[in-house]
Amino acid sequence: MPPPTGHYDGVATARSPRGATGTGGARGLGKESGSGPVRRAVRSVARALHLPFTGTARGIRRATHAQGAGESGLGKLIELHAVNGAGDVMITVALASTVFFSVPTDEARGRVALYLAITMAPFTLLAPVIGPLLDRVPHGRRAAMASAMLARALLALLLSGAVVTGSIELYPAALGVLVASKAYGVVRSAVVPRLLPPRFSLVKANSRVTLGGLLATGVAAPIGAGLQALGPRYPLYGAFVIFVAGTFLSFSLDPKVDSAKGEDKALLAADEQHLHGPHRKEIKRPGLRTVGIAVTHALAANASLRCLSGFLIFFLAFLLREHPLGGQSAAVSLGIVGVAAGTGNALGTAVGAWLRSRAPEVIIVTVIAVVLGVAIASAVFFSAFLLAVLAAFAGFAQALSKLSLDALIQRDVPEVVRTSAFARSETLLQMSWVVGGAIGIALPLNGVLGLAVASGIVATGWLTTVRGLLSSARHGGVSRTRVS
């Protein structure tokens, strides 16, 4: 009896379209057996090439969404802030190379002074307006953040032409980037309280967001430098792509960030409102000065550190270009100081997320005292090593002190105005940075003199706030909240 049709040597070949005969079945088997290993090899190679990207993406998502941050929506904000940091550093690389490194030192000082005059001076006037304007659109925070991203994407394209031609368009476009960046920062500060996971303090949430931005900046900076080597336009093209992605990511935030339920506007002083009608009465709306001395003194102390930051950025940029560290090039010297400052900032943020203290006032007083000591030592025993140490300690203190300020606002400012208070405090800190930068650009390039001025900035902030902060710590403030 012949074997059933579709079999060959007892092996079924029905799966083969040509398996009606023995010969066809044999050819079908040969084709299957030949292509199977090839297909498996191709799939293995594809997985090997795909895994680093998908694995990295999954690792980032696990980190940003850990401890309930994914469910609350905080994880998306961390990712958005990372995109923001990456885009900003791309623009910074392009502008620094154009305004600073492309011309001799004396001409560079003139260019940077012009840059400050055209961008920072108007920003000083615009910064106080940003908070109140954004207070008027509490139901459109996602749209406000997306607008800030899209504006910087378009301005990056405008800058890509200006950095090549050196046209005057560079300065107003840079001002627009600066204003959009600070507007994003103010809205981001207002959004964080709406996305707190269970058992998360505002300080811990802010430290997570800030650390995400710092890590993204560290990754994007060498990429931006590599793109700069291809041409001055390319970092700005990279910034355009990043900010377009950020525009779409802004709308992926949880819709509750647009809610203004229970919120009011925070003022620097108490505001009396009069209600008209048969039940006319006087209502006091709390402001930052009415919630106790801790918040206002902590804000002043943080302003001194932010002023120091702006001063060091501009003063050391020119000092190290003229007198590099240990015979290194100006770019390497600035890179060493920049890495030291960034490392200190990241460590301060990490310590802020880990530290469990019931006295944020003491933390502020302590870190500023340490920075003051390092600044004085750097002025007296001026050396390249101490410059890097000062940059590291200044970054550490700025991060940890800002997280402690956040804790005090969370602890002492009433909930109805707390979100707005974060926006107002951030605006004041940005203005302090502008003042510090202006001082740094105006000073002669004398290292000892510059660090003496830096010591004076820190000393002023510390001496005028230490008594009030320690007094608040002794009396317990308005209430108690852990810095964790």
Protein backbone atom coordinates (compact mmCIF):
# COMPACT_ATOMS: atom_id res chain seq x y z
CA MET A 1 0.00 0.00 0.00
CA PRO A 2 1.56 3.35 -1.00
CA PRO A 3 2.22 5.97 1.67
CA PRO A 4 -0.37 8.73 2.07
CA THR A 5 -0.06 11.71 -0.24
CA GLY A 6 2.00 14.47 1.32
CA HIS A 7 4.52 12.23 3.09
CA TYR A 8 8.08 11.40 2.19
CA ASP A 9 9.98 8.72 4.02
CA GLY A 10 7.36 8.78 6.71
CA VAL A 11 7.75 12.54 7.40
CA ALA A 12 4.69 14.72 6.91
CA THR A 13 5.09 17.54 4.39
CA ALA A 14 1.56 18.89 4.43
CA ARG A 15 2.81 22.35 5.60
CA SER A 16 4.66 22.79 2.33
CA PRO A 17 2.56 24.27 -0.49
CA ARG A 18 4.38 21.89 -2.79
CA GLY A 19 4.02 18.90 -0.52
CA ALA A 20 1.58 17.00 -2.81
CA THR A 21 4.44 14.89 -4.12
CA GLY A 22 7.41 13.34 -2.41
CA THR A 23 9.89 15.37 -4.35
CA GLY A 24 8.12 18.64 -3.66
CA GLY A 25 7.97 17.75 0.00
CA ALA A 26 11.66 17.11 0.07
CA ARG A 27 12.38 20.49 -1.53
CA GLY A 28 10.02 22.15 0.97
CA LEU A 29 11.90 20.58 3.85
CA GLY A 30 15.21 21.71 2.44
CA LYS A 31 14.02 25.29 2.13
CA GLU A 32 12.58 25.29 5.68
CA SER A 33 15.70 23.82 7.20
CA GLY A 34 17.93 26.27 5.32
CA SER A 35 16.01 29.41 6.17
CA GLY A 36 15.30 28.59 9.83
CA PRO A 37 18.85 29.19 11.12
CA VAL A 38 19.13 32.33 9.00
CA ARG A 39 15.89 33.69 10.42
CA ARG A 40 16.96 32.89 13.95
CA ALA A 41 20.33 34.54 13.38
CA VAL A 42 18.67 37.69 12.00
CA ARG A 43 16.30 37.82 14.98
CA SER A 44 19.21 37.38 17.39
CA VAL A 45 21.16 40.21 15.76
CA ALA A 46 18.07 42.44 15.80
CA ARG A 47 17.51 41.73 19.48
CA ALA A 48 21.18 42.43 20.23
CA LEU A 49 21.00 45.80 18.45
CA HIS A 50 17.60 46.67 19.91
CA LEU A 51 18.33 45.62 23.51
CA PRO A 52 20.63 48.50 24.52
CA PHE A 53 17.95 51.03 23.56
CA THR A 54 14.91 49.19 24.89
CA GLY A 55 16.82 48.08 27.98
CA THR A 56 17.99 51.61 28.68
CA ALA A 57 14.49 52.98 28.12
CA ARG A 58 12.99 50.40 30.47
CA GLY A 59 15.66 51.16 33.07
CA ILE A 60 14.97 54.90 32.87
CA ARG A 61 11.24 54.29 33.11
CA ARG A 62 11.68 52.06 36.18
CA ALA A 63 13.83 54.70 37.88
CA THR A 64 11.54 57.64 37.12
CA HIS A 65 8.36 55.74 37.99
CA ALA A 66 9.62 54.10 41.21
CA GLN A 67 7.90 54.41 44.61
CA GLY A 68 4.55 55.46 43.21
CA ALA A 69 5.91 58.22 40.95
CA GLY A 70 4.45 56.48 37.90
CA GLU A 71 0.95 56.28 39.36
CA SER A 72 0.96 59.86 40.62
CA GLY A 73 2.28 61.33 37.36
CA LEU A 74 5.56 62.54 38.84
CA GLY A 75 7.52 60.13 36.63
CA LYS A 76 6.36 61.90 33.46
CA LEU A 77 7.42 65.25 34.94
CA ILE A 78 10.88 63.85 35.75
CA GLU A 79 11.24 62.73 32.14
CA LEU A 80 10.02 66.10 30.86
CA HIS A 81 12.53 67.93 33.06
CA ALA A 82 15.29 65.68 31.73
CA VAL A 83 14.31 66.67 28.18
CA ASN A 84 14.33 70.32 29.26
CA GLY A 85 17.84 70.02 30.70
CA ALA A 86 19.18 68.28 27.60
CA GLY A 87 17.77 70.94 25.28
CA ASP A 88 19.05 73.82 27.39
CA VAL A 89 22.60 72.44 27.48
CA MET A 90 22.61 72.09 23.68
CA ILE A 91 21.80 75.79 23.33
CA THR A 92 24.36 76.67 26.00
CA VAL A 93 27.11 74.81 24.13
CA ALA A 94 26.28 76.61 20.89
CA LEU A 95 26.11 80.08 22.47
CA ALA A 96 29.24 79.59 24.58
CA SER A 97 31.24 78.59 21.54
CA THR A 98 29.94 81.53 19.52
CA VAL A 99 29.96 84.33 22.09
CA PHE A 100 32.90 83.22 24.22
CA PHE A 101 35.43 80.90 22.58
CA SER A 102 35.43 82.19 19.02
CA VAL A 103 37.15 85.55 19.71
CA PRO A 104 40.07 86.88 21.82
CA THR A 105 39.50 87.42 25.54
CA ASP A 106 39.04 91.19 25.46
CA GLU A 107 36.56 90.97 22.62
CA ALA A 108 34.82 88.07 24.36
CA ARG A 109 34.32 90.19 27.47
CA GLY A 110 32.71 92.84 25.33
CA ARG A 111 30.48 90.27 23.64
CA VAL A 112 29.39 88.74 26.93
CA ALA A 113 28.78 92.20 28.41
CA LEU A 114 26.61 92.98 25.38
CA TYR A 115 24.90 89.61 25.81
CA LEU A 116 24.16 90.44 29.44
CA ALA A 117 22.94 93.92 28.61
CA ILE A 118 20.60 92.77 25.82
CA THR A 119 19.35 89.57 27.43
CA MET A 120 19.83 89.62 31.19
CA ALA A 121 18.83 93.24 31.80
CA PRO A 122 15.43 92.89 30.10
CA PHE A 123 15.03 89.53 31.80
CA THR A 124 15.53 91.20 35.17
CA LEU A 125 12.54 93.36 34.33
CA LEU A 126 10.50 90.49 32.89
CA ALA A 127 11.23 87.92 35.62
CA PRO A 128 8.94 89.51 38.25
CA VAL A 129 6.13 89.46 35.70
CA ILE A 130 6.44 85.78 34.80
CA GLY A 131 4.96 84.49 38.05
CA PRO A 132 1.89 86.76 38.09
CA LEU A 133 1.19 86.07 34.41
CA LEU A 134 1.35 82.33 34.96
CA ASP A 135 -0.89 82.70 38.02
CA ARG A 136 -3.59 83.87 35.60
CA VAL A 137 -3.51 80.59 33.66
CA PRO A 138 -3.59 77.90 36.37
CA HIS A 139 -5.86 75.74 34.19
CA GLY A 140 -3.37 75.69 31.32
CA ARG A 141 -0.11 74.57 32.89
CA ARG A 142 0.49 71.76 30.43
CA ALA A 143 -0.13 74.17 27.57
CA ALA A 144 2.20 76.73 29.21
CA MET A 145 5.01 74.16 29.50
CA ALA A 146 4.43 72.98 25.93
CA SER A 147 4.50 76.60 24.74
CA ALA A 148 7.81 77.18 26.52
CA MET A 149 9.23 74.09 24.82
CA LEU A 150 7.91 75.01 21.36
CA ALA A 151 9.15 78.59 21.68
CA ARG A 152 12.67 77.36 22.40
CA ALA A 153 12.50 74.90 19.50
CA LEU A 154 11.67 77.71 17.06
CA LEU A 155 14.21 80.07 18.61
CA ALA A 156 16.88 77.36 18.28
CA LEU A 157 16.27 77.36 14.51
CA LEU A 158 16.56 81.15 14.47
CA LEU A 159 19.79 80.95 16.46
CA SER A 160 21.20 78.35 14.05
CA GLY A 161 21.45 81.06 11.42
CA ALA A 162 22.58 83.81 13.80
CA VAL A 163 25.53 81.83 15.22
CA VAL A 164 27.01 81.51 11.73
CA THR A 165 26.47 85.09 10.56
CA GLY A 166 26.95 86.74 13.96
CA SER A 167 23.91 88.93 13.28
CA ILE A 168 22.14 90.98 15.93
CA GLU A 169 19.30 88.42 15.88
CA LEU A 170 21.45 86.34 18.23
CA TYR A 171 20.68 88.52 21.24
CA PRO A 172 16.89 88.86 21.15
CA ALA A 173 16.64 85.16 20.28
CA ALA A 174 18.85 84.32 23.29
CA LEU A 175 16.63 86.53 25.46
CA GLY A 176 13.59 84.64 24.23
CA VAL A 177 15.22 81.32 25.07
CA LEU A 178 16.08 82.58 28.55
CA VAL A 179 12.57 83.85 29.26
CA ALA A 180 10.97 80.64 27.95
CA SER A 181 13.35 78.54 30.05
CA LYS A 182 12.54 80.45 33.23
CA ALA A 183 8.81 80.36 32.46
CA TYR A 184 9.06 76.59 32.19
CA GLY A 185 10.93 76.49 35.53
CA VAL A 186 8.26 78.54 37.28
CA VAL A 187 5.43 76.36 35.95
CA ARG A 188 7.35 73.21 36.83
CA SER A 189 7.69 74.41 40.43
CA ALA A 190 3.95 75.02 40.51
CA VAL A 191 3.18 71.58 39.05
CA VAL A 192 5.20 69.41 41.45
CA PRO A 193 2.80 69.70 44.44
CA ARG A 194 0.00 68.31 42.28
CA LEU A 195 1.96 65.14 41.48
CA LEU A 196 3.21 64.02 44.90
CA PRO A 197 3.12 60.23 45.37
CA PRO A 198 1.88 58.86 48.71
CA ARG A 199 4.36 59.37 51.57
CA PHE A 200 6.48 61.70 49.41
CA SER A 201 7.46 65.09 50.74
CA LEU A 202 7.79 67.97 48.34
CA VAL A 203 11.55 68.05 48.96
CA LYS A 204 11.96 64.43 47.92
CA ALA A 205 9.85 64.99 44.80
CA ASN A 206 11.82 68.10 43.84
CA SER A 207 15.10 66.28 44.37
CA ARG A 208 13.93 63.50 42.02
CA VAL A 209 12.98 66.01 39.34
CA THR A 210 16.18 68.01 39.72
CA LEU A 211 18.38 64.92 39.66
CA GLY A 212 16.71 63.78 36.44
CA GLY A 213 17.56 67.12 34.85
CA LEU A 214 21.16 66.99 36.05
CA LEU A 215 21.71 63.47 34.71
CA ALA A 216 20.26 64.44 31.33
CA THR A 217 22.50 67.51 31.24
CA GLY A 218 25.55 65.36 31.92
CA VAL A 219 24.63 63.02 29.07
CA ALA A 220 23.73 65.78 26.60
CA ALA A 221 26.78 68.01 27.23
CA PRO A 222 29.36 65.75 25.49
CA ILE A 223 26.87 65.05 22.70
CA GLY A 224 26.47 68.79 22.22
CA ALA A 225 30.25 69.21 22.17
CA GLY A 226 30.50 66.51 19.50
CA LEU A 227 27.83 68.21 17.40
CA GLN A 228 29.66 71.52 17.85
CA ALA A 229 32.74 69.93 16.28
CA LEU A 230 30.65 69.32 13.14
CA GLY A 231 29.59 72.96 13.00
CA PRO A 232 27.99 75.67 15.16
CA ARG A 233 24.53 74.95 13.78
CA TYR A 234 24.33 71.31 14.81
CA PRO A 235 23.84 71.64 18.60
CA LEU A 236 20.95 73.98 17.84
CA TYR A 237 19.44 71.44 15.45
CA GLY A 238 19.74 68.94 18.28
CA ALA A 239 18.02 71.39 20.64
CA PHE A 240 15.20 71.82 18.11
CA VAL A 241 14.53 68.08 18.00
CA ILE A 242 14.70 67.77 21.79
CA PHE A 243 12.33 70.67 22.45
CA VAL A 244 9.82 69.44 19.86
CA ALA A 245 9.78 66.13 21.73
CA GLY A 246 9.31 68.07 24.98
CA THR A 247 6.33 69.90 23.46
CA PHE A 248 4.47 66.64 22.93
CA LEU A 249 5.65 65.19 26.24
CA SER A 250 4.20 68.20 28.10
CA PHE A 251 0.70 67.20 27.05
CA SER A 252 1.28 63.66 28.35
CA LEU A 253 1.40 64.95 31.92
CA ASP A 254 -1.50 64.04 34.19
CA PRO A 255 -4.47 66.40 33.55
CA LYS A 256 -4.65 67.16 37.27
CA VAL A 257 -1.66 69.51 36.93
CA ASP A 258 -4.10 71.94 35.28
CA SER A 259 -6.32 71.94 38.35
CA ALA A 260 -6.18 75.00 40.60
CA LYS A 261 -8.53 73.64 43.24
CA GLY A 262 -7.83 75.18 46.64
CA GLU A 263 -5.12 77.51 45.34
CA ASP A 264 -4.67 81.26 45.66
CA LYS A 265 -1.93 83.72 44.77
CA ALA A 266 0.97 84.23 47.14
CA LEU A 267 2.13 87.78 47.76
CA LEU A 268 5.34 89.01 49.32
CA ALA A 269 3.26 90.70 52.02
CA ALA A 270 -0.23 90.21 53.38
CA ASP A 271 -2.95 91.60 51.17
CA GLU A 272 -6.19 92.97 52.50
CA GLN A 273 -9.20 92.30 50.35
CA HIS A 274 -12.54 93.95 50.89
CA LEU A 275 -15.72 92.14 50.06
CA HIS A 276 -18.63 94.38 49.23
CA GLY A 277 -22.22 93.71 50.06
CA PRO A 278 -24.33 93.18 53.16
CA HIS A 279 -21.69 90.94 54.73
CA ARG A 280 -18.75 93.22 54.03
CA LYS A 281 -15.65 92.14 55.90
CA GLU A 282 -11.91 92.30 55.67
CA ILE A 283 -9.91 89.22 54.63
CA LYS A 284 -6.17 88.82 54.90
CA ARG A 285 -4.58 86.68 52.24
CA PRO A 286 -1.27 85.28 53.53
CA GLY A 287 2.01 86.15 51.85
CA LEU A 288 5.61 85.04 52.23
CA ARG A 289 6.33 87.65 54.90
CA THR A 290 3.37 86.63 57.02
CA VAL A 291 4.22 82.94 57.48
CA GLY A 292 7.18 83.35 59.82
CA ILE A 293 10.79 84.37 59.58
CA ALA A 294 12.07 81.00 58.38
CA VAL A 295 10.81 81.24 54.78
CA THR A 296 11.95 84.82 54.16
CA HIS A 297 15.37 84.25 55.75
CA ALA A 298 15.83 80.96 53.88
CA LEU A 299 14.90 82.73 50.65
CA ALA A 300 17.50 85.46 51.33
CA ALA A 301 20.15 82.84 52.11
CA ASN A 302 19.36 80.95 48.92
CA ALA A 303 19.48 84.22 46.97
CA SER A 304 23.07 84.73 48.14
CA LEU A 305 24.03 81.25 46.93
CA ARG A 306 22.31 81.80 43.60
CA CYS A 307 24.10 85.14 43.30
CA LEU A 308 27.39 83.32 44.00
CA SER A 309 26.55 80.82 41.26
CA GLY A 310 26.00 83.53 38.66
CA PHE A 311 29.15 85.32 39.77
CA LEU A 312 31.36 82.22 39.56
CA ILE A 313 30.05 81.22 36.14
CA PHE A 314 30.95 84.53 34.50
CA PHE A 315 34.02 85.47 36.51
CA LEU A 316 35.71 82.07 36.28
CA ALA A 317 34.86 81.76 32.59
CA PHE A 318 37.10 84.74 31.82
CA LEU A 319 39.66 84.13 34.55
CA LEU A 320 40.33 80.55 33.43
CA ARG A 321 40.48 81.57 29.81
CA GLU A 322 43.24 84.03 30.65
CA HIS A 323 44.91 81.87 33.35
CA PRO A 324 44.06 78.19 32.76
CA LEU A 325 44.40 75.58 35.51
CA GLY A 326 47.78 73.87 35.71
CA GLY A 327 48.80 74.74 32.15
CA GLN A 328 45.66 73.17 30.67
CA SER A 329 43.70 74.76 27.86
CA ALA A 330 40.89 77.18 28.68
CA ALA A 331 38.25 74.68 27.56
CA VAL A 332 39.71 71.90 29.73
CA SER A 333 40.02 74.25 32.71
CA LEU A 334 36.41 75.34 32.40
CA GLY A 335 35.41 71.72 31.97
CA ILE A 336 37.15 70.72 35.21
CA VAL A 337 35.41 73.47 37.19
CA GLY A 338 32.10 72.74 35.48
CA VAL A 339 32.31 69.03 36.27
CA ALA A 340 33.20 69.83 39.89
CA ALA A 341 30.18 72.15 40.21
CA GLY A 342 27.87 69.65 38.52
CA THR A 343 29.09 66.80 40.70
CA GLY A 344 28.56 68.88 43.83
CA ASN A 345 25.07 69.84 42.69
CA ALA A 346 24.15 66.22 42.00
CA LEU A 347 25.50 65.11 45.39
CA GLY A 348 23.56 67.87 47.14
CA THR A 349 20.38 66.79 45.39
CA ALA A 350 21.00 63.14 46.30
CA VAL A 351 21.72 64.00 49.94
CA GLY A 352 18.54 66.10 50.03
CA ALA A 353 16.50 63.11 48.91
CA TRP A 354 18.16 60.87 51.49
CA LEU A 355 18.51 63.22 54.48
CA ARG A 356 15.95 63.00 57.26
CA SER A 357 16.15 66.13 59.36
CA ARG A 358 13.63 68.09 61.39
CA ALA A 359 15.54 71.35 61.05
CA PRO A 360 15.93 72.55 57.43
CA GLU A 361 16.98 75.92 58.86
CA VAL A 362 20.06 74.30 60.40
CA ILE A 363 20.92 72.66 57.08
CA ILE A 364 20.85 76.03 55.30
CA VAL A 365 22.96 77.73 57.96
CA THR A 366 25.47 74.87 57.96
CA VAL A 367 26.01 74.51 54.22
CA ILE A 368 26.37 78.26 53.68
CA ALA A 369 28.87 78.45 56.55
CA VAL A 370 30.92 75.69 54.91
CA VAL A 371 30.84 77.47 51.54
CA LEU A 372 31.88 80.72 53.22
CA GLY A 373 34.88 78.97 54.81
CA VAL A 374 35.91 77.42 51.48
CA ALA A 375 35.54 80.76 49.68
CA ILE A 376 37.71 82.56 52.24
CA ALA A 377 40.34 79.80 52.08
CA SER A 378 40.30 79.99 48.25
CA ALA A 379 40.86 83.75 48.38
CA VAL A 380 43.71 83.51 50.90
CA PHE A 381 45.43 80.43 49.45
CA PHE A 382 44.49 80.93 45.82
CA SER A 383 45.15 77.81 43.73
CA ALA A 384 43.65 75.80 40.89
CA PHE A 385 42.70 73.00 43.27
CA LEU A 386 40.80 75.33 45.60
CA LEU A 387 38.91 76.82 42.66
CA ALA A 388 37.57 73.37 41.79
CA VAL A 389 36.81 72.68 45.46
CA LEU A 390 34.89 75.96 45.76
CA ALA A 391 32.87 75.16 42.64
CA ALA A 392 32.00 71.71 44.05
CA PHE A 393 30.97 73.04 47.47
CA ALA A 394 29.00 75.90 45.92
CA GLY A 395 27.06 73.42 43.77
CA PHE A 396 26.45 71.12 46.73
CA ALA A 397 25.28 73.96 48.98
CA GLN A 398 23.02 75.48 46.34
CA ALA A 399 21.22 72.18 45.74
CA LEU A 400 20.80 71.22 49.40
CA SER A 401 19.87 74.74 50.49
CA LYS A 402 17.22 74.99 47.77
CA LEU A 403 15.69 71.67 48.85
CA SER A 404 15.60 72.95 52.43
CA LEU A 405 13.87 76.13 51.28
CA ASP A 406 11.29 73.92 49.55
CA ALA A 407 10.76 72.10 52.84
CA LEU A 408 10.19 75.37 54.70
CA ILE A 409 7.67 76.59 52.14
CA GLN A 410 5.90 73.25 52.41
CA ARG A 411 5.94 73.47 56.19
CA ASP A 412 5.09 77.12 56.83
CA VAL A 413 3.17 78.47 53.83
CA PRO A 414 -0.59 77.76 53.88
CA GLU A 415 -1.71 75.25 51.31
CA VAL A 416 -3.98 77.71 49.51
CA VAL A 417 -0.97 79.79 48.41
CA ARG A 418 1.82 77.23 48.52
CA THR A 419 1.97 76.50 44.80
CA SER A 420 2.12 80.18 43.92
CA ALA A 421 4.78 80.73 46.59
CA PHE A 422 7.09 78.32 44.79
CA ALA A 423 6.66 80.30 41.59
CA ARG A 424 7.42 83.61 43.32
CA SER A 425 10.48 82.30 45.15
CA GLU A 426 11.92 80.82 41.94
CA THR A 427 11.56 84.18 40.18
CA LEU A 428 13.46 85.95 42.97
CA LEU A 429 16.25 83.37 42.86
CA GLN A 430 16.64 83.79 39.09
CA MET A 431 16.96 87.55 39.53
CA SER A 432 19.72 86.96 42.12
CA TRP A 433 21.59 84.86 39.57
CA VAL A 434 21.42 87.74 37.08
CA VAL A 435 22.85 90.17 39.65
CA GLY A 436 25.72 87.78 40.41
CA GLY A 437 26.50 87.38 36.73
CA ALA A 438 26.62 91.15 36.25
CA ILE A 439 29.11 91.49 39.13
CA GLY A 440 31.27 88.72 37.67
CA ILE A 441 31.50 90.29 34.24
CA ALA A 442 32.37 93.73 35.67
CA LEU A 443 35.31 92.67 37.88
CA PRO A 444 38.97 92.73 36.78
CA LEU A 445 40.50 89.32 36.11
CA ASN A 446 42.24 89.01 39.47
CA GLY A 447 41.67 85.67 41.16
CA VAL A 448 42.23 86.80 44.74
CA LEU A 449 40.02 89.86 44.29
CA GLY A 450 37.29 87.82 42.65
CA LEU A 451 37.20 85.18 45.37
CA ALA A 452 37.22 87.90 48.01
CA VAL A 453 34.10 89.33 46.38
CA ALA A 454 32.61 85.83 46.28
CA SER A 455 33.30 85.50 50.01
CA GLY A 456 31.58 88.85 50.60
CA ILE A 457 28.46 87.72 48.69
CA VAL A 458 28.17 84.56 50.79
CA ALA A 459 29.00 86.34 54.05
CA THR A 460 26.27 88.92 53.45
CA GLY A 461 23.67 86.23 52.89
CA TRP A 462 24.80 84.17 55.87
CA LEU A 463 25.24 86.93 58.45
CA THR A 464 21.88 88.52 57.70
CA THR A 465 19.94 85.27 58.00
CA VAL A 466 21.74 83.02 60.49
CA ARG A 467 20.09 84.48 63.61
CA GLY A 468 16.58 84.32 62.19
CA LEU A 469 16.99 80.78 60.87
CA LEU A 470 18.44 79.43 64.11
CA SER A 471 15.73 81.18 66.09
CA SER A 472 13.10 79.55 63.90
CA ALA A 473 14.77 76.16 64.36
CA ARG A 474 14.72 76.56 68.14
CA HIS A 475 11.06 77.54 68.20
CA GLY A 476 9.98 74.89 65.76
CA GLY A 477 8.61 77.13 63.02
CA VAL A 478 4.93 77.10 62.23
CA SER A 479 4.80 73.31 62.08
CA ARG A 480 7.11 70.40 61.40
CA THR A 481 7.91 68.53 58.22
CA ARG A 482 10.72 66.11 57.53
CA VAL A 483 13.29 66.95 54.88
CA SER A 484 12.99 63.63 53.09
